[in-house]
Amino acid sequence: MAEKMIPPISNKRPLNNNKGSKQTEKETEQTPANQDKSPPKKKKPPSTSSTLESAGSFEATSAGASKDITMLLSTFSEVLSERAAGDASQMRELQGILTEAQKLESYLREKKKRLRQTLALISDKLQG
């Protein structure tokens, strides 16, 4: 008997005939359309040991963050105090300059007054 060899029939059907979208069978199984057919998965409640580990991990992270924040705040306060000291120094320097300028102004006004008096005497002598 000459039997024709028929290729085995595959249970897989083509997923999509669109050339632009290439999905594998695995990707098709994960699509939302197929998810509603599967029963919902039950989540295991976290065990007490993992809860304790995560709490310890949180405490360690919190302590590290607290140290970092404290370090940043101390650095910030040092910078502010240095700036305040610099500002105070500049204020003293500017105050000294202002005092010197006021003394110079007073000296020049006095000098101007004496020069006027001297010129008035010379003018009186020339007219008289």
N, C-alpha and C. Protein backbone atom coordinates (compact mmCIF):
# COMPACT_ATOMS: atom_id res chain seq x y z
N MET A 1 0.81 -1.16 0.00
CA MET A 1 0.00 0.00 0.00
C MET A 1 0.86 1.23 0.00
N ALA A 2 0.57 2.00 -0.90
CA ALA A 2 1.30 3.24 -1.04
C ALA A 2 0.51 4.33 -0.35
N GLU A 3 0.93 4.64 0.82
CA GLU A 3 0.24 5.71 1.56
C GLU A 3 0.98 7.01 1.32
N LYS A 4 0.19 8.00 1.18
CA LYS A 4 0.78 9.33 1.08
C LYS A 4 1.20 9.75 2.47
N MET A 5 2.33 10.41 2.52
CA MET A 5 2.78 10.92 3.80
C MET A 5 2.16 12.29 4.01
N ILE A 6 1.39 12.35 5.05
CA ILE A 6 0.74 13.62 5.38
C ILE A 6 1.51 14.23 6.54
N PRO A 7 1.87 15.49 6.40
CA PRO A 7 2.60 16.12 7.52
C PRO A 7 1.70 16.18 8.74
N PRO A 8 2.30 16.01 9.91
CA PRO A 8 1.47 16.03 11.12
C PRO A 8 0.78 17.38 11.27
N ILE A 9 -0.41 17.33 11.77
CA ILE A 9 -1.20 18.54 11.95
C ILE A 9 -0.77 19.18 13.26
N SER A 10 -0.52 20.44 13.16
CA SER A 10 -0.07 21.17 14.33
C SER A 10 -1.28 21.78 15.02
N ASN A 11 -1.26 21.79 16.34
CA ASN A 11 -2.33 22.42 17.11
C ASN A 11 -2.16 23.94 17.15
N LYS A 12 -1.04 24.39 16.68
CA LYS A 12 -0.78 25.84 16.68
C LYS A 12 -1.40 26.45 15.44
N ARG A 13 -2.06 27.54 15.65
CA ARG A 13 -2.61 28.25 14.50
C ARG A 13 -1.83 29.55 14.36
N PRO A 14 -1.83 30.14 13.20
CA PRO A 14 -1.09 31.39 13.05
C PRO A 14 -1.69 32.45 13.98
N LEU A 15 -0.82 33.19 14.62
CA LEU A 15 -1.25 34.18 15.61
C LEU A 15 -1.80 35.43 14.96
N ASN A 16 -1.13 35.89 13.97
CA ASN A 16 -1.53 37.14 13.37
C ASN A 16 -1.01 37.17 11.95
N ASN A 17 -1.86 37.51 11.05
CA ASN A 17 -1.45 37.56 9.65
C ASN A 17 -0.88 38.93 9.29
N ASN A 18 -0.95 39.89 10.19
CA ASN A 18 -0.39 41.22 9.91
C ASN A 18 1.12 41.13 9.88
N LYS A 19 1.69 41.72 8.87
CA LYS A 19 3.14 41.67 8.74
C LYS A 19 3.82 42.62 9.73
N GLY A 20 3.17 43.73 10.10
CA GLY A 20 3.77 44.72 10.97
C GLY A 20 3.84 44.25 12.41
N SER A 21 2.93 43.42 12.85
CA SER A 21 2.89 42.98 14.24
C SER A 21 3.30 41.52 14.30
N LYS A 22 4.39 41.26 14.97
CA LYS A 22 4.87 39.89 15.09
C LYS A 22 4.79 39.50 16.56
N GLN A 23 3.84 38.64 16.90
CA GLN A 23 3.70 38.18 18.28
C GLN A 23 3.99 36.70 18.31
N THR A 24 4.62 36.29 19.37
CA THR A 24 4.85 34.86 19.56
C THR A 24 3.68 34.29 20.33
N GLU A 25 3.63 33.00 20.39
CA GLU A 25 2.53 32.34 21.10
C GLU A 25 2.58 32.71 22.58
N LYS A 26 3.78 32.83 23.11
CA LYS A 26 3.94 33.17 24.52
C LYS A 26 3.40 34.58 24.79
N GLU A 27 3.68 35.52 23.90
CA GLU A 27 3.18 36.89 24.07
C GLU A 27 1.66 36.93 23.98
N THR A 28 1.09 36.10 23.14
CA THR A 28 -0.36 36.05 23.00
C THR A 28 -0.99 35.54 24.28
N GLU A 29 -0.33 34.59 24.93
CA GLU A 29 -0.87 34.05 26.17
C GLU A 29 -0.87 35.10 27.27
N GLN A 30 -0.01 36.09 27.18
CA GLN A 30 0.10 37.10 28.23
C GLN A 30 -0.77 38.32 27.98
N THR A 31 -1.48 38.35 26.89
CA THR A 31 -2.32 39.52 26.60
C THR A 31 -3.52 39.53 27.52
N PRO A 32 -4.08 40.70 27.77
CA PRO A 32 -5.23 40.81 28.67
C PRO A 32 -6.43 39.99 28.22
N ALA A 33 -6.60 39.76 26.94
CA ALA A 33 -7.75 39.01 26.45
C ALA A 33 -7.71 37.58 26.98
N ASN A 34 -6.53 37.01 27.12
CA ASN A 34 -6.41 35.64 27.61
C ASN A 34 -6.32 35.58 29.13
N GLN A 35 -6.06 36.70 29.78
CA GLN A 35 -5.90 36.68 31.21
C GLN A 35 -7.24 36.48 31.92
N ASP A 36 -8.33 36.94 31.33
CA ASP A 36 -9.61 36.81 32.02
C ASP A 36 -10.07 35.35 32.07
N LYS A 37 -9.47 34.47 31.27
CA LYS A 37 -9.84 33.06 31.28
C LYS A 37 -9.14 32.31 32.40
N SER A 38 -8.00 32.82 32.85
CA SER A 38 -7.26 32.11 33.89
C SER A 38 -7.79 32.53 35.26
N PRO A 39 -7.74 31.62 36.21
CA PRO A 39 -8.22 31.97 37.55
C PRO A 39 -7.27 32.98 38.20
N PRO A 40 -7.79 33.81 39.07
CA PRO A 40 -6.92 34.81 39.71
C PRO A 40 -5.88 34.12 40.58
N LYS A 41 -4.69 34.68 40.57
CA LYS A 41 -3.61 34.09 41.36
C LYS A 41 -3.71 34.60 42.78
N LYS A 42 -3.54 33.70 43.72
CA LYS A 42 -3.59 34.09 45.12
C LYS A 42 -2.20 34.56 45.55
N LYS A 43 -2.19 35.65 46.26
CA LYS A 43 -0.92 36.17 46.76
C LYS A 43 -0.67 35.59 48.14
N LYS A 44 0.56 35.21 48.36
CA LYS A 44 0.92 34.67 49.66
C LYS A 44 1.08 35.83 50.64
N PRO A 45 0.55 35.68 51.83
CA PRO A 45 0.81 36.72 52.82
C PRO A 45 2.28 36.68 53.19
N PRO A 46 2.89 37.85 53.42
CA PRO A 46 4.32 37.85 53.72
C PRO A 46 4.58 37.13 55.04
N SER A 47 5.63 36.37 55.05
CA SER A 47 5.95 35.63 56.26
C SER A 47 6.51 36.59 57.30
N THR A 48 6.45 36.22 58.54
CA THR A 48 6.92 37.10 59.61
C THR A 48 8.41 37.35 59.50
N SER A 49 9.17 36.37 59.05
CA SER A 49 10.62 36.56 58.94
C SER A 49 10.94 37.59 57.86
N SER A 50 10.22 37.54 56.72
CA SER A 50 10.49 38.53 55.68
C SER A 50 10.01 39.90 56.11
N THR A 51 8.94 39.96 56.91
CA THR A 51 8.46 41.24 57.43
C THR A 51 9.50 41.83 58.37
N LEU A 52 10.07 41.00 59.22
CA LEU A 52 11.11 41.48 60.13
C LEU A 52 12.34 41.93 59.38
N GLU A 53 12.71 41.18 58.34
CA GLU A 53 13.86 41.55 57.53
C GLU A 53 13.62 42.88 56.84
N SER A 54 12.41 43.07 56.28
CA SER A 54 12.12 44.32 55.59
C SER A 54 12.05 45.47 56.58
N ALA A 55 11.56 45.22 57.79
CA ALA A 55 11.53 46.27 58.81
C ALA A 55 12.95 46.64 59.20
N GLY A 56 13.81 45.64 59.36
CA GLY A 56 15.22 45.90 59.68
C GLY A 56 15.90 46.64 58.55
N SER A 57 15.57 46.27 57.33
CA SER A 57 16.12 46.94 56.16
C SER A 57 15.67 48.39 56.13
N PHE A 58 14.40 48.61 56.44
CA PHE A 58 13.86 49.98 56.47
C PHE A 58 14.55 50.79 57.56
N GLU A 59 14.74 50.19 58.72
CA GLU A 59 15.39 50.88 59.84
C GLU A 59 16.81 51.27 59.45
N ALA A 60 17.53 50.35 58.79
CA ALA A 60 18.91 50.63 58.38
C ALA A 60 18.94 51.75 57.35
N THR A 61 18.03 51.69 56.40
CA THR A 61 17.96 52.73 55.37
C THR A 61 17.60 54.07 56.00
N SER A 62 16.65 54.04 56.92
CA SER A 62 16.23 55.26 57.61
C SER A 62 17.38 55.85 58.42
N ALA A 63 18.13 55.01 59.10
CA ALA A 63 19.27 55.49 59.89
C ALA A 63 20.34 56.10 58.98
N GLY A 64 20.59 55.46 57.85
CA GLY A 64 21.57 55.98 56.89
C GLY A 64 21.13 57.32 56.33
N ALA A 65 19.84 57.42 56.00
CA ALA A 65 19.32 58.68 55.47
C ALA A 65 19.38 59.77 56.54
N SER A 66 19.10 59.41 57.77
CA SER A 66 19.16 60.38 58.87
C SER A 66 20.58 60.90 59.04
N LYS A 67 21.57 60.01 58.96
CA LYS A 67 22.97 60.44 59.06
C LYS A 67 23.33 61.37 57.91
N ASP A 68 22.90 61.04 56.71
CA ASP A 68 23.18 61.88 55.54
C ASP A 68 22.56 63.26 55.71
N ILE A 69 21.32 63.30 56.16
CA ILE A 69 20.64 64.59 56.34
C ILE A 69 21.34 65.40 57.41
N THR A 70 21.74 64.76 58.51
CA THR A 70 22.46 65.46 59.57
C THR A 70 23.77 66.03 59.06
N MET A 71 24.48 65.23 58.24
CA MET A 71 25.74 65.71 57.68
C MET A 71 25.50 66.90 56.76
N LEU A 72 24.49 66.83 55.92
CA LEU A 72 24.19 67.94 55.02
C LEU A 72 23.80 69.19 55.79
N LEU A 73 23.00 69.03 56.83
CA LEU A 73 22.60 70.19 57.62
C LEU A 73 23.79 70.82 58.34
N SER A 74 24.70 70.00 58.86
CA SER A 74 25.86 70.56 59.54
C SER A 74 26.76 71.28 58.53
N THR A 75 26.92 70.70 57.35
CA THR A 75 27.72 71.36 56.31
C THR A 75 27.08 72.68 55.91
N PHE A 76 25.76 72.68 55.78
CA PHE A 76 25.02 73.89 55.41
C PHE A 76 25.19 74.97 56.49
N SER A 77 25.10 74.57 57.76
CA SER A 77 25.25 75.55 58.84
C SER A 77 26.68 76.09 58.90
N GLU A 78 27.68 75.25 58.61
CA GLU A 78 29.07 75.72 58.56
C GLU A 78 29.24 76.75 57.45
N VAL A 79 28.68 76.47 56.29
CA VAL A 79 28.78 77.41 55.16
C VAL A 79 28.10 78.72 55.51
N LEU A 80 26.93 78.65 56.14
CA LEU A 80 26.22 79.87 56.52
C LEU A 80 27.01 80.67 57.54
N SER A 81 27.62 80.00 58.52
CA SER A 81 28.38 80.74 59.53
C SER A 81 29.63 81.37 58.91
N GLU A 82 30.26 80.67 57.95
CA GLU A 82 31.42 81.24 57.26
C GLU A 82 31.01 82.47 56.46
N ARG A 83 29.86 82.39 55.79
CA ARG A 83 29.37 83.54 55.03
C ARG A 83 29.03 84.71 55.96
N ALA A 84 28.41 84.38 57.09
CA ALA A 84 28.06 85.44 58.05
C ALA A 84 29.32 86.11 58.57
N ALA A 85 30.35 85.31 58.86
CA ALA A 85 31.62 85.88 59.33
C ALA A 85 32.24 86.76 58.23
N GLY A 86 32.18 86.28 57.00
CA GLY A 86 32.70 87.07 55.87
C GLY A 86 31.92 88.36 55.69
N ASP A 87 30.60 88.27 55.82
CA ASP A 87 29.76 89.46 55.69
C ASP A 87 30.07 90.47 56.80
N ALA A 88 30.25 89.98 58.03
CA ALA A 88 30.57 90.87 59.15
C ALA A 88 31.91 91.54 58.92
N SER A 89 32.87 90.78 58.39
CA SER A 89 34.19 91.34 58.10
C SER A 89 34.08 92.43 57.03
N GLN A 90 33.31 92.16 56.00
CA GLN A 90 33.11 93.16 54.94
C GLN A 90 32.40 94.39 55.47
N MET A 91 31.43 94.19 56.36
CA MET A 91 30.71 95.33 56.94
C MET A 91 31.67 96.20 57.75
N ARG A 92 32.57 95.58 58.54
CA ARG A 92 33.55 96.37 59.31
C ARG A 92 34.46 97.14 58.36
N GLU A 93 34.89 96.47 57.28
CA GLU A 93 35.77 97.13 56.32
C GLU A 93 35.06 98.31 55.65
N LEU A 94 33.80 98.08 55.24
CA LEU A 94 33.04 99.17 54.61
C LEU A 94 32.77 100.31 55.59
N GLN A 95 32.52 99.97 56.83
CA GLN A 95 32.30 100.99 57.86
C GLN A 95 33.56 101.85 58.04
N GLY A 96 34.72 101.20 58.01
CA GLY A 96 35.99 101.92 58.10
C GLY A 96 36.19 102.85 56.91
N ILE A 97 35.86 102.37 55.73
CA ILE A 97 36.00 103.20 54.51
C ILE A 97 35.06 104.39 54.60
N LEU A 98 33.82 104.16 55.04
CA LEU A 98 32.85 105.24 55.16
C LEU A 98 33.31 106.29 56.18
N THR A 99 33.83 105.85 57.29
CA THR A 99 34.34 106.79 58.31
C THR A 99 35.49 107.62 57.75
N GLU A 100 36.39 106.96 57.03
CA GLU A 100 37.52 107.67 56.42
C GLU A 100 37.02 108.70 55.40
N ALA A 101 36.01 108.32 54.59
CA ALA A 101 35.47 109.25 53.59
C ALA A 101 34.80 110.44 54.28
N GLN A 102 34.11 110.21 55.39
CA GLN A 102 33.46 111.32 56.11
C GLN A 102 34.50 112.27 56.70
N LYS A 103 35.59 111.71 57.22
CA LYS A 103 36.66 112.56 57.75
C LYS A 103 37.29 113.38 56.64
N LEU A 104 37.51 112.76 55.49
CA LEU A 104 38.09 113.48 54.35
C LEU A 104 37.16 114.58 53.88
N GLU A 105 35.87 114.30 53.83
CA GLU A 105 34.89 115.31 53.42
C GLU A 105 34.91 116.50 54.39
N SER A 106 34.95 116.21 55.67
CA SER A 106 34.99 117.27 56.67
C SER A 106 36.26 118.12 56.52
N TYR A 107 37.41 117.46 56.32
CA TYR A 107 38.67 118.16 56.12
C TYR A 107 38.62 119.08 54.90
N LEU A 108 38.07 118.55 53.77
CA LEU A 108 37.99 119.34 52.54
C LEU A 108 37.05 120.53 52.70
N ARG A 109 35.94 120.38 53.42
CA ARG A 109 35.03 121.51 53.65
C ARG A 109 35.71 122.60 54.49
N GLU A 110 36.45 122.16 55.49
CA GLU A 110 37.17 123.13 56.32
C GLU A 110 38.22 123.86 55.49
N LYS A 111 38.94 123.12 54.64
CA LYS A 111 39.96 123.71 53.77
C LYS A 111 39.33 124.72 52.82
N LYS A 112 38.15 124.38 52.27
CA LYS A 112 37.43 125.26 51.34
C LYS A 112 37.04 126.56 52.09
N LYS A 113 36.58 126.43 53.31
CA LYS A 113 36.15 127.59 54.11
C LYS A 113 37.35 128.51 54.36
N ARG A 114 38.54 127.94 54.71
CA ARG A 114 39.74 128.76 54.95
C ARG A 114 40.21 129.45 53.67
N LEU A 115 40.10 128.73 52.54
CA LEU A 115 40.50 129.35 51.26
C LEU A 115 39.60 130.53 50.93
N ARG A 116 38.29 130.42 51.18
CA ARG A 116 37.38 131.54 50.93
C ARG A 116 37.75 132.75 51.81
N GLN A 117 38.05 132.44 53.05
CA GLN A 117 38.42 133.54 53.97
C GLN A 117 39.70 134.22 53.50
N THR A 118 40.67 133.42 53.07
CA THR A 118 41.93 133.97 52.58
C THR A 118 41.69 134.81 51.33
N LEU A 119 40.88 134.33 50.42
CA LEU A 119 40.58 135.08 49.19
C LEU A 119 39.82 136.37 49.52
N ALA A 120 38.93 136.32 50.49
CA ALA A 120 38.19 137.52 50.90
C ALA A 120 39.16 138.56 51.47
N LEU A 121 40.14 138.15 52.26
CA LEU A 121 41.15 139.08 52.81
C LEU A 121 41.98 139.71 51.70
N ILE A 122 42.41 138.88 50.76
CA ILE A 122 43.21 139.37 49.63
C ILE A 122 42.38 140.36 48.82
N SER A 123 41.13 140.04 48.57
CA SER A 123 40.27 140.94 47.80
C SER A 123 40.07 142.27 48.54
N ASP A 124 39.87 142.23 49.84
CA ASP A 124 39.70 143.46 50.62
C ASP A 124 40.95 144.32 50.58
N LYS A 125 42.11 143.70 50.67
CA LYS A 125 43.37 144.43 50.64
C LYS A 125 43.60 145.08 49.27
N LEU A 126 43.21 144.35 48.19
CA LEU A 126 43.40 144.89 46.84
C LEU A 126 42.45 146.05 46.58
N GLN A 127 41.26 146.02 47.14
CA GLN A 127 40.29 147.08 46.95
C GLN A 127 40.59 148.26 47.88
N GLY A 128 41.23 148.09 48.93
CA GLY A 128 41.38 149.13 49.92
C GLY A 128 42.60 149.91 49.86
